[in-house]
């Protein structure tokens, strides 16, 4: 069985702005699909450091579809900013 997600991934826990020293802790949860979606976090266009990732955690729903959750957590440092911005993005 092959089923694409009907909805895009949902990001939770993010703030509008971060400063050096903040604790960044966000999560991305995919829509239901079969097989499970593969999520990838990016920080300022670069793949996130694997040490910052929490998961992925796969869950099967009652209709045999799968949902994936992938967290990103790190202490914000000056190196995480490019031209004064810290941009987070997830690709599925």
PDB file of N, CA and C in Angstrom:
ATOM      1  N   UNK A   1       0.848  -1.177   0.000  1.00  0.00           N
ATOM      2  CA  UNK A   1       0.000   0.000   0.000  1.00  0.00           C
ATOM      3  C   UNK A   1       0.894   1.241   0.000  1.00  0.00           C
ATOM      4  N   UNK A   2       0.540   2.214  -0.785  1.00  0.00           N
ATOM      5  CA  UNK A   2       1.249   3.485  -0.835  1.00  0.00           C
ATOM      6  C   UNK A   2       0.223   4.595  -0.665  1.00  0.00           C
ATOM      7  N   UNK A   3       0.458   5.481   0.307  1.00  0.00           N
ATOM      8  CA  UNK A   3      -0.459   6.599   0.549  1.00  0.00           C
ATOM      9  C   UNK A   3       0.350   7.817   0.952  1.00  0.00           C
ATOM     10  N   UNK A   4       0.215   8.882   0.180  1.00  0.00           N
ATOM     11  CA  UNK A   4       0.901  10.133   0.495  1.00  0.00           C
ATOM     12  C   UNK A   4       0.141  10.890   1.572  1.00  0.00           C
ATOM     13  N   UNK A   5       0.848  11.730   2.363  1.00  0.00           N
ATOM     14  CA  UNK A   5       0.149  12.509   3.388  1.00  0.00           C
ATOM     15  C   UNK A   5      -0.808  13.509   2.751  1.00  0.00           C
ATOM     16  N   UNK A   6      -1.983  13.657   3.344  1.00  0.00           N
ATOM     17  CA  UNK A   6      -2.958  14.642   2.866  1.00  0.00           C
ATOM     18  C   UNK A   6      -2.600  16.043   3.352  1.00  0.00           C
ATOM     19  N   UNK A   7      -1.867  16.136   4.447  1.00  0.00           N
ATOM     20  CA  UNK A   7      -1.463  17.418   5.023  1.00  0.00           C
ATOM     21  C   UNK A   7       0.052  17.454   5.183  1.00  0.00           C
ATOM     22  N   UNK A   8       0.604  18.660   5.158  1.00  0.00           N
ATOM     23  CA  UNK A   8       2.036  18.833   5.368  1.00  0.00           C
ATOM     24  C   UNK A   8       2.413  18.635   6.822  1.00  0.00           C
ATOM     25  N   UNK A   9       3.704  18.617   7.111  1.00  0.00           N
ATOM     26  CA  UNK A   9       4.158  18.448   8.496  1.00  0.00           C
ATOM     27  C   UNK A   9       3.786  19.656   9.350  1.00  0.00           C
ATOM     28  N   UNK A  10       3.639  19.422  10.644  1.00  0.00           N
ATOM     29  CA  UNK A  10       3.278  20.468  11.599  1.00  0.00           C
ATOM     30  C   UNK A  10       4.455  20.683  12.549  1.00  0.00           C
ATOM     31  N   UNK A  11       4.907  21.934  12.655  1.00  0.00           N
ATOM     32  CA  UNK A  11       6.000  22.293  13.571  1.00  0.00           C
ATOM     33  C   UNK A  11       5.406  22.923  14.813  1.00  0.00           C
ATOM     34  N   UNK A  12       5.834  22.435  15.979  1.00  0.00           N
ATOM     35  CA  UNK A  12       5.357  22.990  17.247  1.00  0.00           C
ATOM     36  C   UNK A  12       6.550  23.371  18.123  1.00  0.00           C
ATOM     37  N   UNK A  13       6.317  24.308  19.028  1.00  0.00           N
ATOM     38  CA  UNK A  13       7.322  24.693  20.011  1.00  0.00           C
ATOM     39  C   UNK A  13       8.230  25.826  19.588  1.00  0.00           C
ATOM     40  N   UNK A  14       8.095  26.307  18.355  1.00  0.00           N
ATOM     41  CA  UNK A  14       9.015  27.358  17.897  1.00  0.00           C
ATOM     42  C   UNK A  14       8.578  28.729  18.394  1.00  0.00           C
ATOM     43  N   UNK A  15       9.551  29.611  18.541  1.00  0.00           N
ATOM     44  CA  UNK A  15       9.317  30.994  18.943  1.00  0.00           C
ATOM     45  C   UNK A  15       9.549  31.890  17.730  1.00  0.00           C
ATOM     46  N   UNK A  16       8.967  33.086  17.736  1.00  0.00           N
ATOM     47  CA  UNK A  16       9.207  33.995  16.604  1.00  0.00           C
ATOM     48  C   UNK A  16      10.663  34.448  16.515  1.00  0.00           C
ATOM     49  N   UNK A  17      11.353  34.550  17.659  1.00  0.00           N
ATOM     50  CA  UNK A  17      12.740  35.009  17.682  1.00  0.00           C
ATOM     51  C   UNK A  17      13.524  34.235  18.739  1.00  0.00           C
ATOM     52  N   UNK A  18      14.818  34.072  18.442  1.00  0.00           N
ATOM     53  CA  UNK A  18      15.744  33.442  19.389  1.00  0.00           C
ATOM     54  C   UNK A  18      16.944  34.346  19.590  1.00  0.00           C
ATOM     55  N   UNK A  19      17.553  34.222  20.767  1.00  0.00           N
ATOM     56  CA  UNK A  19      18.767  34.966  21.083  1.00  0.00           C
ATOM     57  C   UNK A  19      19.840  33.978  21.531  1.00  0.00           C
ATOM     58  N   UNK A  20      21.080  34.404  21.440  1.00  0.00           N
ATOM     59  CA  UNK A  20      22.189  33.585  21.919  1.00  0.00           C
ATOM     60  C   UNK A  20      21.925  33.211  23.375  1.00  0.00           C
ATOM     61  N   UNK A  21      22.061  31.937  23.691  1.00  0.00           N
ATOM     62  CA  UNK A  21      21.829  31.439  25.042  1.00  0.00           C
ATOM     63  C   UNK A  21      20.463  30.805  25.232  1.00  0.00           C
ATOM     64  N   UNK A  22      19.518  31.065  24.326  1.00  0.00           N
ATOM     65  CA  UNK A  22      18.192  30.446  24.417  1.00  0.00           C
ATOM     66  C   UNK A  22      18.291  28.941  24.212  1.00  0.00           C
ATOM     67  N   UNK A  23      17.345  28.225  24.785  1.00  0.00           N
ATOM     68  CA  UNK A  23      17.234  26.780  24.575  1.00  0.00           C
ATOM     69  C   UNK A  23      16.165  26.567  23.504  1.00  0.00           C
ATOM     70  N   UNK A  24      16.561  26.133  22.333  1.00  0.00           N
ATOM     71  CA  UNK A  24      15.639  25.886  21.233  1.00  0.00           C
ATOM     72  C   UNK A  24      15.169  24.440  21.328  1.00  0.00           C
ATOM     73  N   UNK A  25      13.859  24.250  21.343  1.00  0.00           N
ATOM     74  CA  UNK A  25      13.281  22.911  21.412  1.00  0.00           C
ATOM     75  C   UNK A  25      12.010  22.922  20.573  1.00  0.00           C
ATOM     76  N   UNK A  26      12.092  22.310  19.387  1.00  0.00           N
ATOM     77  CA  UNK A  26      10.956  22.266  18.471  1.00  0.00           C
ATOM     78  C   UNK A  26      10.701  20.830  18.038  1.00  0.00           C
ATOM     79  N   UNK A  27       9.518  20.605  17.503  1.00  0.00           N
ATOM     80  CA  UNK A  27       9.154  19.276  17.047  1.00  0.00           C
ATOM     81  C   UNK A  27       8.411  19.388  15.723  1.00  0.00           C
ATOM     82  N   UNK A  28       8.616  18.417  14.863  1.00  0.00           N
ATOM     83  CA  UNK A  28       7.893  18.335  13.602  1.00  0.00           C
ATOM     84  C   UNK A  28       7.197  16.980  13.551  1.00  0.00           C
ATOM     85  N   UNK A  29       5.911  17.000  13.218  1.00  0.00           N
ATOM     86  CA  UNK A  29       5.135  15.770  13.092  1.00  0.00           C
ATOM     87  C   UNK A  29       4.548  15.706  11.693  1.00  0.00           C
ATOM     88  N   UNK A  30       4.769  14.594  11.026  1.00  0.00           N
ATOM     89  CA  UNK A  30       4.286  14.418   9.655  1.00  0.00           C
ATOM     90  C   UNK A  30       2.797  14.137   9.640  1.00  0.00           C
ATOM     91  N   UNK A  31       2.216  14.272   8.450  1.00  0.00           N
ATOM     92  CA  UNK A  31       0.866  13.784   8.232  1.00  0.00           C
ATOM     93  C   UNK A  31       0.899  12.274   8.102  1.00  0.00           C
ATOM     94  N   UNK A  32      -0.267  11.654   8.119  1.00  0.00           N
ATOM     95  CA  UNK A  32      -0.350  10.201   7.983  1.00  0.00           C
ATOM     96  C   UNK A  32       0.035   9.790   6.566  1.00  0.00           C
ATOM     97  N   UNK A  33       0.853   8.740   6.468  1.00  0.00           N
ATOM     98  CA  UNK A  33       1.258   8.230   5.159  1.00  0.00           C
ATOM     99  C   UNK A  33       1.639   6.762   5.288  1.00  0.00           C
ATOM    100  N   UNK A  34       1.867   6.139   4.148  1.00  0.00           N
ATOM    101  CA  UNK A  34       2.348   4.761   4.110  1.00  0.00           C
ATOM    102  C   UNK A  34       3.231   4.648   2.894  1.00  0.00           C
ATOM    103  N   UNK A  35       4.524   4.415   2.966  1.00  0.00           N
ATOM    104  CA  UNK A  35       5.290   4.255   4.206  1.00  0.00           C
ATOM    105  C   UNK A  35       5.449   5.586   4.935  1.00  0.00           C
ATOM    106  N   UNK A  36       6.088   5.507   6.095  1.00  0.00           N
ATOM    107  CA  UNK A  36       6.296   6.697   6.921  1.00  0.00           C
ATOM    108  C   UNK A  36       7.137   7.734   6.184  1.00  0.00           C
ATOM    109  N   UNK A  37       6.812   8.998   6.394  1.00  0.00           N
ATOM    110  CA  UNK A  37       7.589  10.095   5.802  1.00  0.00           C
ATOM    111  C   UNK A  37       8.977  10.135   6.427  1.00  0.00           C
ATOM    112  N   UNK A  38       9.930  10.650   5.688  1.00  0.00           N
ATOM    113  CA  UNK A  38      11.286  10.866   6.209  1.00  0.00           C
ATOM    114  C   UNK A  38      11.459  12.368   6.366  1.00  0.00           C
ATOM    115  N   UNK A  39      11.619  12.811   7.604  1.00  0.00           N
ATOM    116  CA  UNK A  39      11.745  14.238   7.907  1.00  0.00           C
ATOM    117  C   UNK A  39      13.207  14.610   8.092  1.00  0.00           C
ATOM    118  N   UNK A  40      13.571  15.819   7.668  1.00  0.00           N
ATOM    119  CA  UNK A  40      14.933  16.326   7.821  1.00  0.00           C
ATOM    120  C   UNK A  40      14.876  17.777   8.262  1.00  0.00           C
ATOM    121  N   UNK A  41      15.512  18.100   9.388  1.00  0.00           N
ATOM    122  CA  UNK A  41      15.603  19.481   9.863  1.00  0.00           C
ATOM    123  C   UNK A  41      16.771  20.195   9.198  1.00  0.00           C
ATOM    124  N   UNK A  42      16.560  21.485   8.890  1.00  0.00           N
ATOM    125  CA  UNK A  42      17.610  22.352   8.369  1.00  0.00           C
ATOM    126  C   UNK A  42      17.685  23.608   9.235  1.00  0.00           C
ATOM    127  N   UNK A  43      18.901  24.057   9.506  1.00  0.00           N
ATOM    128  CA  UNK A  43      19.145  25.304  10.231  1.00  0.00           C
ATOM    129  C   UNK A  43      19.890  26.226   9.276  1.00  0.00           C
ATOM    130  N   UNK A  44      19.254  27.325   8.907  1.00  0.00           N
ATOM    131  CA  UNK A  44      19.836  28.268   7.941  1.00  0.00           C
ATOM    132  C   UNK A  44      20.251  27.592   6.632  1.00  0.00           C
ATOM    133  N   UNK A  45      19.446  26.636   6.171  1.00  0.00           N
ATOM    134  CA  UNK A  45      19.702  25.980   4.897  1.00  0.00           C
ATOM    135  C   UNK A  45      20.636  24.789   4.952  1.00  0.00           C
ATOM    136  N   UNK A  46      21.264  24.538   6.096  1.00  0.00           N
ATOM    137  CA  UNK A  46      22.175  23.406   6.251  1.00  0.00           C
ATOM    138  C   UNK A  46      21.499  22.308   7.070  1.00  0.00           C
ATOM    139  N   UNK A  47      21.748  21.028   6.744  1.00  0.00           N
ATOM    140  CA  UNK A  47      21.178  19.953   7.565  1.00  0.00           C
ATOM    141  C   UNK A  47      21.585  20.123   9.030  1.00  0.00           C
ATOM    142  N   UNK A  48      20.628  19.900   9.926  1.00  0.00           N
ATOM    143  CA  UNK A  48      20.895  20.041  11.358  1.00  0.00           C
ATOM    144  C   UNK A  48      21.900  19.000  11.828  1.00  0.00           C
ATOM    145  N   UNK A  49      22.706  19.378  12.802  1.00  0.00           N
ATOM    146  CA  UNK A  49      23.660  18.473  13.433  1.00  0.00           C
ATOM    147  C   UNK A  49      22.889  17.280  14.008  1.00  0.00           C
ATOM    148  N   UNK A  50      23.321  16.077  13.683  1.00  0.00           N
ATOM    149  CA  UNK A  50      22.633  14.865  14.135  1.00  0.00           C
ATOM    150  C   UNK A  50      22.531  14.791  15.659  1.00  0.00           C
ATOM    151  N   UNK A  51      23.474  15.391  16.374  1.00  0.00           N
ATOM    152  CA  UNK A  51      23.442  15.381  17.838  1.00  0.00           C
ATOM    153  C   UNK A  51      22.271  16.191  18.385  1.00  0.00           C
ATOM    154  N   UNK A  52      21.706  17.085  17.569  1.00  0.00           N
ATOM    155  CA  UNK A  52      20.589  17.931  18.000  1.00  0.00           C
ATOM    156  C   UNK A  52      19.229  17.280  17.758  1.00  0.00           C
ATOM    157  N   UNK A  53      19.205  16.158  17.039  1.00  0.00           N
ATOM    158  CA  UNK A  53      17.942  15.523  16.667  1.00  0.00           C
ATOM    159  C   UNK A  53      17.432  14.597  17.751  1.00  0.00           C
ATOM    160  N   UNK A  54      16.136  14.601  17.931  1.00  0.00           N
ATOM    161  CA  UNK A  54      15.449  13.706  18.875  1.00  0.00           C
ATOM    162  C   UNK A  54      14.479  12.867  18.055  1.00  0.00           C
ATOM    163  N   UNK A  55      14.831  11.605  17.849  1.00  0.00           N
ATOM    164  CA  UNK A  55      13.999  10.740  17.022  1.00  0.00           C
ATOM    165  C   UNK A  55      14.745  10.354  15.764  1.00  0.00           C
ATOM    166  N   UNK A  56      14.086   9.929  14.738  1.00  0.00           N
ATOM    167  CA  UNK A  56      12.643   9.998  14.515  1.00  0.00           C
ATOM    168  C   UNK A  56      11.882   8.915  15.280  1.00  0.00           C
ATOM    169  N   UNK A  57      10.662   9.253  15.629  1.00  0.00           N
ATOM    170  CA  UNK A  57       9.768   8.333  16.313  1.00  0.00           C
ATOM    171  C   UNK A  57       8.609   8.044  15.373  1.00  0.00           C
ATOM    172  N   UNK A  58       8.393   6.781  15.075  1.00  0.00           N
ATOM    173  CA  UNK A  58       7.314   6.384  14.184  1.00  0.00           C
ATOM    174  C   UNK A  58       6.173   5.793  14.992  1.00  0.00           C
ATOM    175  N   UNK A  59       4.955   6.187  14.619  1.00  0.00           N
ATOM    176  CA  UNK A  59       3.760   5.677  15.287  1.00  0.00           C
ATOM    177  C   UNK A  59       2.792   5.187  14.224  1.00  0.00           C
ATOM    178  N   UNK A  60       2.192   4.056  14.457  1.00  0.00           N
ATOM    179  CA  UNK A  60       1.186   3.557  13.526  1.00  0.00           C
ATOM    180  C   UNK A  60      -0.186   3.973  14.026  1.00  0.00           C
ATOM    181  N   UNK A  61      -1.023   4.449  13.127  1.00  0.00           N
ATOM    182  CA  UNK A  61      -2.372   4.860  13.509  1.00  0.00           C
ATOM    183  C   UNK A  61      -3.303   3.661  13.401  1.00  0.00           C
ATOM    184  N   UNK A  62      -4.543   3.853  13.806  1.00  0.00           N
ATOM    185  CA  UNK A  62      -5.492   2.738  13.804  1.00  0.00           C
ATOM    186  C   UNK A  62      -5.893   2.296  12.391  1.00  0.00           C
ATOM    187  N   UNK A  63      -5.552   3.092  11.365  1.00  0.00           N
ATOM    188  CA  UNK A  63      -5.877   2.691   9.990  1.00  0.00           C
ATOM    189  C   UNK A  63      -4.626   2.235   9.235  1.00  0.00           C
ATOM    190  N   UNK A  64      -3.599   1.800   9.987  1.00  0.00           N
ATOM    191  CA  UNK A  64      -2.343   1.268   9.453  1.00  0.00           C
ATOM    192  C   UNK A  64      -1.481   2.300   8.741  1.00  0.00           C
ATOM    193  N   UNK A  65      -1.859   3.574   8.822  1.00  0.00           N
ATOM    194  CA  UNK A  65      -1.023   4.640   8.298  1.00  0.00           C
ATOM    195  C   UNK A  65       0.038   4.947   9.348  1.00  0.00           C
ATOM    196  N   UNK A  66       1.075   5.692   8.950  1.00  0.00           N
ATOM    197  CA  UNK A  66       2.160   5.988   9.878  1.00  0.00           C
ATOM    198  C   UNK A  66       2.354   7.497  10.018  1.00  0.00           C
ATOM    199  N   UNK A  67       2.721   7.888  11.220  1.00  0.00           N
ATOM    200  CA  UNK A  67       3.027   9.277  11.548  1.00  0.00           C
ATOM    201  C   UNK A  67       4.436   9.285  12.124  1.00  0.00           C
ATOM    202  N   UNK A  68       5.239  10.271  11.733  1.00  0.00           N
ATOM    203  CA  UNK A  68       6.616  10.375  12.214  1.00  0.00           C
ATOM    204  C   UNK A  68       6.793  11.699  12.942  1.00  0.00           C
ATOM    205  N   UNK A  69       7.551  11.676  14.017  1.00  0.00           N
ATOM    206  CA  UNK A  69       7.865  12.870  14.784  1.00  0.00           C
ATOM    207  C   UNK A  69       9.385  12.989  14.880  1.00  0.00           C
ATOM    208  N   UNK A  70       9.908  14.199  14.622  1.00  0.00           N
ATOM    209  CA  UNK A  70      11.346  14.443  14.719  1.00  0.00           C
ATOM    210  C   UNK A  70      11.573  15.761  15.439  1.00  0.00           C
ATOM    211  N   UNK A  71      12.271  15.694  16.564  1.00  0.00           N
ATOM    212  CA  UNK A  71      12.557  16.883  17.352  1.00  0.00           C
ATOM    213  C   UNK A  71      13.928  17.465  17.034  1.00  0.00           C
ATOM    214  N   UNK A  72      14.083  18.730  17.382  1.00  0.00           N
ATOM    215  CA  UNK A  72      15.349  19.443  17.232  1.00  0.00           C
ATOM    216  C   UNK A  72      15.548  20.233  18.516  1.00  0.00           C
ATOM    217  N   UNK A  73      16.709  20.058  19.157  1.00  0.00           N
ATOM    218  CA  UNK A  73      16.943  20.697  20.451  1.00  0.00           C
ATOM    219  C   UNK A  73      18.418  21.059  20.592  1.00  0.00           C
ATOM    220  N   UNK A  74      18.673  22.342  20.898  1.00  0.00           N
ATOM    221  CA  UNK A  74      20.046  22.782  21.139  1.00  0.00           C
ATOM    222  C   UNK A  74      20.052  24.155  21.794  1.00  0.00           C
ATOM    223  N   UNK A  75      21.199  24.477  22.398  1.00  0.00           N
ATOM    224  CA  UNK A  75      21.399  25.807  22.961  1.00  0.00           C
ATOM    225  C   UNK A  75      21.862  26.718  21.832  1.00  0.00           C
ATOM    226  N   UNK A  76      21.171  27.823  21.648  1.00  0.00           N
ATOM    227  CA  UNK A  76      21.470  28.739  20.549  1.00  0.00           C
ATOM    228  C   UNK A  76      22.786  29.466  20.819  1.00  0.00           C
ATOM    229  N   UNK A  77      23.663  29.426  19.822  1.00  0.00           N
ATOM    230  CA  UNK A  77      24.964  30.100  19.895  1.00  0.00           C
ATOM    231  C   UNK A  77      25.075  31.064  18.718  1.00  0.00           C
ATOM    232  N   UNK A  78      26.054  31.937  18.797  1.00  0.00           N
ATOM    233  CA  UNK A  78      26.241  32.930  17.746  1.00  0.00           C
ATOM    234  C   UNK A  78      26.404  32.276  16.370  1.00  0.00           C
ATOM    235  N   UNK A  79      27.050  31.115  16.321  1.00  0.00           N
ATOM    236  CA  UNK A  79      27.295  30.435  15.048  1.00  0.00           C
ATOM    237  C   UNK A  79      26.004  29.970  14.362  1.00  0.00           C
ATOM    238  N   UNK A  80      24.888  29.928  15.089  1.00  0.00           N
ATOM    239  CA  UNK A  80      23.623  29.504  14.509  1.00  0.00           C
ATOM    240  C   UNK A  80      22.921  30.619  13.739  1.00  0.00           C
ATOM    241  N   UNK A  81      23.478  31.819  13.770  1.00  0.00           N
ATOM    242  CA  UNK A  81      22.879  32.953  13.067  1.00  0.00           C
ATOM    243  C   UNK A  81      23.652  33.246  11.783  1.00  0.00           C
ATOM    244  N   UNK A  82      22.912  33.526  10.719  1.00  0.00           N
ATOM    245  CA  UNK A  82      23.502  33.978   9.463  1.00  0.00           C
ATOM    246  C   UNK A  82      22.867  35.321   9.126  1.00  0.00           C
ATOM    247  N   UNK A  83      23.704  36.348   9.040  1.00  0.00           N
ATOM    248  CA  UNK A  83      23.215  37.705   8.777  1.00  0.00           C
ATOM    249  C   UNK A  83      22.133  38.104   9.788  1.00  0.00           C
ATOM    250  N   UNK A  84      22.333  37.685  11.027  1.00  0.00           N
ATOM    251  CA  UNK A  84      21.412  38.048  12.110  1.00  0.00           C
ATOM    252  C   UNK A  84      20.168  37.189  12.207  1.00  0.00           C
ATOM    253  N   UNK A  85      20.015  36.215  11.336  1.00  0.00           N
ATOM    254  CA  UNK A  85      18.811  35.381  11.337  1.00  0.00           C
ATOM    255  C   UNK A  85      19.126  33.936  11.702  1.00  0.00           C
ATOM    256  N   UNK A  86      18.147  33.303  12.327  1.00  0.00           N
ATOM    257  CA  UNK A  86      18.164  31.868  12.608  1.00  0.00           C
ATOM    258  C   UNK A  86      16.905  31.308  11.972  1.00  0.00           C
ATOM    259  N   UNK A  87      17.070  30.551  10.884  1.00  0.00           N
ATOM    260  CA  UNK A  87      15.923  30.021  10.161  1.00  0.00           C
ATOM    261  C   UNK A  87      15.868  28.508  10.279  1.00  0.00           C
ATOM    262  N   UNK A  88      14.699  28.003  10.642  1.00  0.00           N
ATOM    263  CA  UNK A  88      14.476  26.568  10.758  1.00  0.00           C
ATOM    264  C   UNK A  88      13.545  26.122   9.642  1.00  0.00           C
ATOM    265  N   UNK A  89      13.807  24.936   9.127  1.00  0.00           N
ATOM    266  CA  UNK A  89      12.984  24.401   8.044  1.00  0.00           C
ATOM    267  C   UNK A  89      13.002  22.888   8.116  1.00  0.00           C
ATOM    268  N   UNK A  90      11.904  22.264   7.708  1.00  0.00           N
ATOM    269  CA  UNK A  90      11.825  20.819   7.634  1.00  0.00           C
ATOM    270  C   UNK A  90      11.458  20.420   6.218  1.00  0.00           C
ATOM    271  N   UNK A  91      12.155  19.411   5.715  1.00  0.00           N
ATOM    272  CA  UNK A  91      11.787  18.823   4.430  1.00  0.00           C
ATOM    273  C   UNK A  91      11.279  17.429   4.694  1.00  0.00           C
ATOM    274  N   UNK A  92      10.288  17.043   3.917  1.00  0.00           N
ATOM    275  CA  UNK A  92       9.757  15.679   4.029  1.00  0.00           C
ATOM    276  C   UNK A  92       9.952  14.946   2.740  1.00  0.00           C
TER     277      UNK A  92
END
